[in-house]
Amino acid sequence: MGAGRSPWSGAVLLGAAVVLGAWLVQDGSHGGQPPAPSPAEALGAGGPQPAALSGTPMSASAPVRINIPAIGVDAPVTGVGLDAAGHLATPPDGERNLAGWYRDGVTPGQRGTALMAGHVDTADGPAVFYGLGALHRGDRIDVARADRSTAWFMVDAIEVYPRSAFPDRQVYGQSPDPQLRLITCGGSYSKATGYQGNVVVYAHLTGHRRAA
């Protein structure tokens, strides 16, 4: 995913705010198709609703690291805001192992929908969120926070959306319980236009470890 464009498709809906976004892209150095989720991992494919399972909401504290054992992710997190065009910004293009958290939204573990994005690849090869499509329902996501607490999330679903039909409200809308969205590039690819969609991971808070 590459230079000059925002990491999010469609519109980010946070409370009354609407932030217009664009889709994740890559930098033209594509060396192989990232893994894609199976239909069994899609929303509505089964299982209880996250709101019925979520852990107790946490107080606000910025994320500092994300760990996803199933796909070998162990990466620092940086805050991202809006670019000059009013779109959500990406982590720096040269940073393969860095995730971006939308710092004007809720922090992971708070009540609501926390948003994190990362590159799928860079000029040097696969990047931090390359493997999101290989996740499965029930996989664990741990987010370490600045107050030394850790929020524990469980994957509920993984979807791939074409950029022309990105479901803004479903992905970005605020939830009544603590949820997390991870977003990267995905879908079909062409050298001329890059990736044609986004991979979105839906997860809910299952618990947390208090600050030491």
Protein backbone atom coordinates (compact mmCIF):
# COMPACT_ATOMS: atom_id res chain seq x y z
CA MET A 1 0.00 0.00 0.00
CA GLY A 2 1.65 3.11 -1.05
CA ALA A 3 2.39 6.75 -1.09
CA GLY A 4 -0.01 9.61 -1.36
CA ARG A 5 -3.32 8.05 -0.45
CA SER A 6 -5.40 7.43 2.63
CA PRO A 7 -5.77 4.01 4.28
CA TRP A 8 -9.54 3.88 4.65
CA SER A 9 -12.35 3.33 2.17
CA GLY A 10 -15.55 5.35 2.14
CA ALA A 11 -16.59 7.44 5.12
CA VAL A 12 -15.62 7.05 8.74
CA LEU A 13 -18.65 7.54 10.96
CA LEU A 14 -17.69 8.42 14.50
CA GLY A 15 -20.60 9.75 16.52
CA ALA A 16 -21.86 12.79 14.64
CA ALA A 17 -18.58 13.25 12.73
CA VAL A 18 -18.22 12.09 9.15
CA VAL A 19 -14.67 11.86 7.86
CA LEU A 20 -14.42 11.22 4.14
CA GLY A 21 -11.79 8.64 3.28
CA ALA A 22 -10.24 6.76 0.40
CA TRP A 23 -9.20 3.16 -0.09
CA LEU A 24 -6.04 1.40 0.86
CA VAL A 25 -3.55 1.15 -1.96
CA GLN A 26 -0.14 -0.41 -2.40
CA ASP A 27 3.02 0.91 -3.97
CA GLY A 28 3.23 -1.06 -7.20
CA SER A 29 5.83 -3.53 -5.90
CA HIS A 30 3.26 -6.29 -5.51
CA GLY A 31 5.03 -9.65 -5.40
CA GLY A 32 2.17 -12.05 -4.71
CA GLN A 33 -1.47 -12.12 -3.70
CA PRO A 34 -2.03 -11.83 0.07
CA PRO A 35 -4.13 -14.55 1.69
CA ALA A 36 -7.89 -14.14 1.34
CA PRO A 37 -10.45 -15.20 3.96
CA SER A 38 -12.76 -18.10 3.25
CA PRO A 39 -16.56 -17.64 3.18
CA ALA A 40 -16.71 -19.44 6.54
CA GLU A 41 -15.07 -16.40 8.17
CA ALA A 42 -17.64 -13.88 6.87
CA LEU A 43 -20.12 -11.93 8.95
CA GLY A 44 -23.31 -13.90 9.46
CA ALA A 45 -21.59 -17.24 8.95
CA GLY A 46 -22.44 -18.28 12.49
CA GLY A 47 -21.62 -17.68 16.13
CA PRO A 48 -23.02 -15.37 18.83
CA GLN A 49 -23.09 -11.61 18.46
CA PRO A 50 -20.08 -9.74 19.93
CA ALA A 51 -22.27 -7.56 22.19
CA ALA A 52 -23.36 -10.68 24.07
CA LEU A 53 -19.75 -11.68 24.75
CA SER A 54 -17.78 -8.48 25.23
CA GLY A 55 -15.65 -7.81 28.26
CA THR A 56 -16.01 -4.82 30.57
CA PRO A 57 -15.16 -1.56 28.76
CA MET A 58 -11.81 0.00 29.66
CA SER A 59 -10.89 3.62 30.23
CA ALA A 60 -9.10 5.57 27.49
CA SER A 61 -5.43 4.82 26.85
CA ALA A 62 -3.59 4.99 23.52
CA PRO A 63 -2.42 1.72 21.97
CA VAL A 64 1.33 1.22 21.74
CA ARG A 65 1.67 -2.33 20.35
CA ILE A 66 -0.43 -4.97 18.61
CA ASN A 67 0.18 -8.71 18.74
CA ILE A 68 -1.67 -11.29 16.60
CA PRO A 69 -0.10 -14.69 17.36
CA ALA A 70 -1.91 -16.64 14.62
CA ILE A 71 -0.19 -14.66 11.84
CA GLY A 72 3.01 -13.64 13.61
CA VAL A 73 2.21 -9.94 14.00
CA ASP A 74 4.12 -8.12 16.76
CA ALA A 75 4.26 -4.46 15.87
CA PRO A 76 4.36 -0.98 17.39
CA VAL A 77 1.38 1.32 16.88
CA THR A 78 1.40 4.99 15.91
CA GLY A 79 -1.48 7.46 15.91
CA VAL A 80 -2.78 8.62 12.54
CA GLY A 81 -5.09 11.52 11.80
CA LEU A 82 -6.23 13.24 8.62
CA ASP A 83 -4.17 14.24 5.61
CA ALA A 84 -4.34 17.60 3.83
CA ALA A 85 -7.38 16.46 1.85
CA GLY A 86 -9.30 15.49 4.97
CA HIS A 87 -8.72 11.77 4.48
CA LEU A 88 -7.38 9.45 7.11
CA ALA A 89 -3.62 9.15 6.83
CA THR A 90 -1.52 6.00 6.57
CA PRO A 91 1.46 5.01 8.67
CA PRO A 92 4.73 6.11 6.98
CA ASP A 93 5.17 4.33 3.65
CA GLY A 94 8.59 2.91 4.48
CA GLU A 95 7.48 1.34 7.77
CA ARG A 96 6.68 -2.32 7.08
CA ASN A 97 6.10 -3.30 10.69
CA LEU A 98 3.95 -0.44 11.96
CA ALA A 99 0.19 -0.23 12.54
CA GLY A 100 -1.80 3.00 12.60
CA TRP A 101 -4.57 3.79 15.09
CA TYR A 102 -7.13 6.50 14.33
CA ARG A 103 -6.27 8.81 17.22
CA ASP A 104 -9.45 10.89 16.98
CA GLY A 105 -11.58 7.82 17.68
CA VAL A 106 -11.90 5.60 20.72
CA THR A 107 -8.90 3.69 22.06
CA PRO A 108 -8.92 -0.12 21.83
CA GLY A 109 -10.84 -1.48 24.81
CA GLN A 110 -13.09 1.55 25.26
CA ARG A 111 -16.80 1.28 24.53
CA GLY A 112 -17.21 1.88 20.80
CA THR A 113 -15.35 0.99 17.61
CA ALA A 114 -11.57 1.41 17.59
CA LEU A 115 -9.93 1.57 14.15
CA MET A 116 -6.47 0.35 13.18
CA ALA A 117 -4.90 0.10 9.72
CA GLY A 118 -1.60 -1.09 8.29
CA HIS A 119 0.17 -1.65 5.01
CA VAL A 120 -0.31 -4.96 3.25
CA ASP A 121 3.00 -4.55 1.42
CA THR A 122 5.69 -1.99 0.64
CA ALA A 123 8.56 -1.72 -1.83
CA ASP A 124 10.45 -4.18 0.36
CA GLY A 125 7.79 -6.90 0.46
CA PRO A 126 4.93 -8.03 2.74
CA ALA A 127 4.08 -5.64 5.56
CA VAL A 128 2.43 -5.70 8.98
CA PHE A 129 -1.13 -6.63 7.93
CA TYR A 130 -0.26 -8.86 4.97
CA GLY A 131 -1.69 -11.91 6.72
CA LEU A 132 -5.06 -10.55 7.90
CA GLY A 133 -6.91 -12.66 5.35
CA ALA A 134 -5.46 -15.82 6.92
CA LEU A 135 -7.14 -15.19 10.28
CA HIS A 136 -10.05 -17.27 11.56
CA ARG A 137 -12.94 -16.74 13.93
CA GLY A 138 -11.74 -17.09 17.49
CA ASP A 139 -8.16 -15.95 16.83
CA ARG A 140 -6.72 -13.59 19.45
CA ILE A 141 -5.60 -9.99 19.07
CA ASP A 142 -3.76 -8.35 21.97
CA VAL A 143 -3.35 -4.57 22.13
CA ALA A 144 -0.88 -3.17 24.67
CA ARG A 145 -1.77 0.34 25.82
CA ALA A 146 0.15 3.34 27.15
CA ASP A 147 -1.15 2.83 30.70
CA ARG A 148 0.52 -0.64 30.70
CA SER A 149 -2.79 -2.46 30.43
CA THR A 150 -3.52 -4.94 27.63
CA ALA A 151 -6.85 -5.30 25.82
CA TRP A 152 -7.69 -8.83 24.62
CA PHE A 153 -9.85 -9.19 21.51
CA MET A 154 -11.33 -12.17 19.68
CA VAL A 155 -11.86 -12.24 15.91
CA ASP A 156 -15.54 -12.42 14.92
CA ALA A 157 -15.28 -12.23 11.14
CA ILE A 158 -13.03 -11.33 8.22
CA GLU A 159 -14.46 -9.73 5.09
CA VAL A 160 -13.14 -8.41 1.77
CA TYR A 161 -15.01 -5.41 0.34
CA PRO A 162 -14.59 -3.85 -3.11
CA ARG A 163 -13.74 -0.18 -2.81
CA SER A 164 -16.77 0.69 -4.93
CA ALA A 165 -19.14 -0.85 -2.37
CA PHE A 166 -17.48 -0.32 0.99
CA PRO A 167 -20.05 -0.53 3.85
CA ASP A 168 -19.09 2.61 5.78
CA ARG A 169 -21.61 2.37 8.59
CA GLN A 170 -21.03 -1.31 9.17
CA VAL A 171 -17.27 -0.93 9.42
CA TYR A 172 -16.91 2.50 11.02
CA GLY A 173 -20.17 2.99 12.91
CA GLN A 174 -19.92 3.15 16.68
CA SER A 175 -20.89 0.01 18.58
CA PRO A 176 -22.48 -0.22 22.05
CA ASP A 177 -19.70 -2.53 23.24
CA PRO A 178 -15.88 -2.44 22.84
CA GLN A 179 -14.96 -3.54 19.32
CA LEU A 180 -11.95 -3.35 17.05
CA ARG A 181 -11.55 -3.12 13.29
CA LEU A 182 -8.29 -3.94 11.49
CA ILE A 183 -8.08 -2.76 7.89
CA THR A 184 -5.66 -3.28 5.02
CA CYS A 185 -5.61 -3.61 1.22
CA GLY A 186 -7.08 -6.66 -0.45
CA GLY A 187 -9.25 -7.98 -3.20
CA SER A 188 -8.20 -8.18 -6.82
CA TYR A 189 -5.01 -6.48 -7.94
CA SER A 190 -3.70 -4.87 -11.09
CA LYS A 191 -0.43 -3.07 -11.67
CA ALA A 192 -2.26 -0.06 -13.09
CA THR A 193 -4.70 0.51 -10.23
CA GLY A 194 -3.35 -1.47 -7.27
CA TYR A 195 -5.63 -3.37 -4.91
CA GLN A 196 -9.32 -3.02 -5.62
CA GLY A 197 -10.65 -3.39 -2.10
CA ASN A 198 -10.03 -3.75 1.61
CA VAL A 199 -9.74 -6.64 4.04
CA VAL A 200 -11.58 -5.85 7.29
CA VAL A 201 -11.21 -7.86 10.50
CA TYR A 202 -14.04 -7.55 13.05
CA ALA A 203 -13.18 -8.29 16.68
CA HIS A 204 -14.67 -7.74 20.13
CA LEU A 205 -13.11 -7.26 23.57
CA THR A 206 -13.03 -10.42 25.68
CA GLY A 207 -11.10 -9.14 28.67
CA HIS A 208 -8.03 -7.24 29.74
CA ARG A 209 -5.00 -7.25 31.97
CA ARG A 210 -4.86 -4.28 34.28
CA ALA A 211 -1.91 -1.92 34.37
CA ALA A 212 0.98 -3.18 36.49
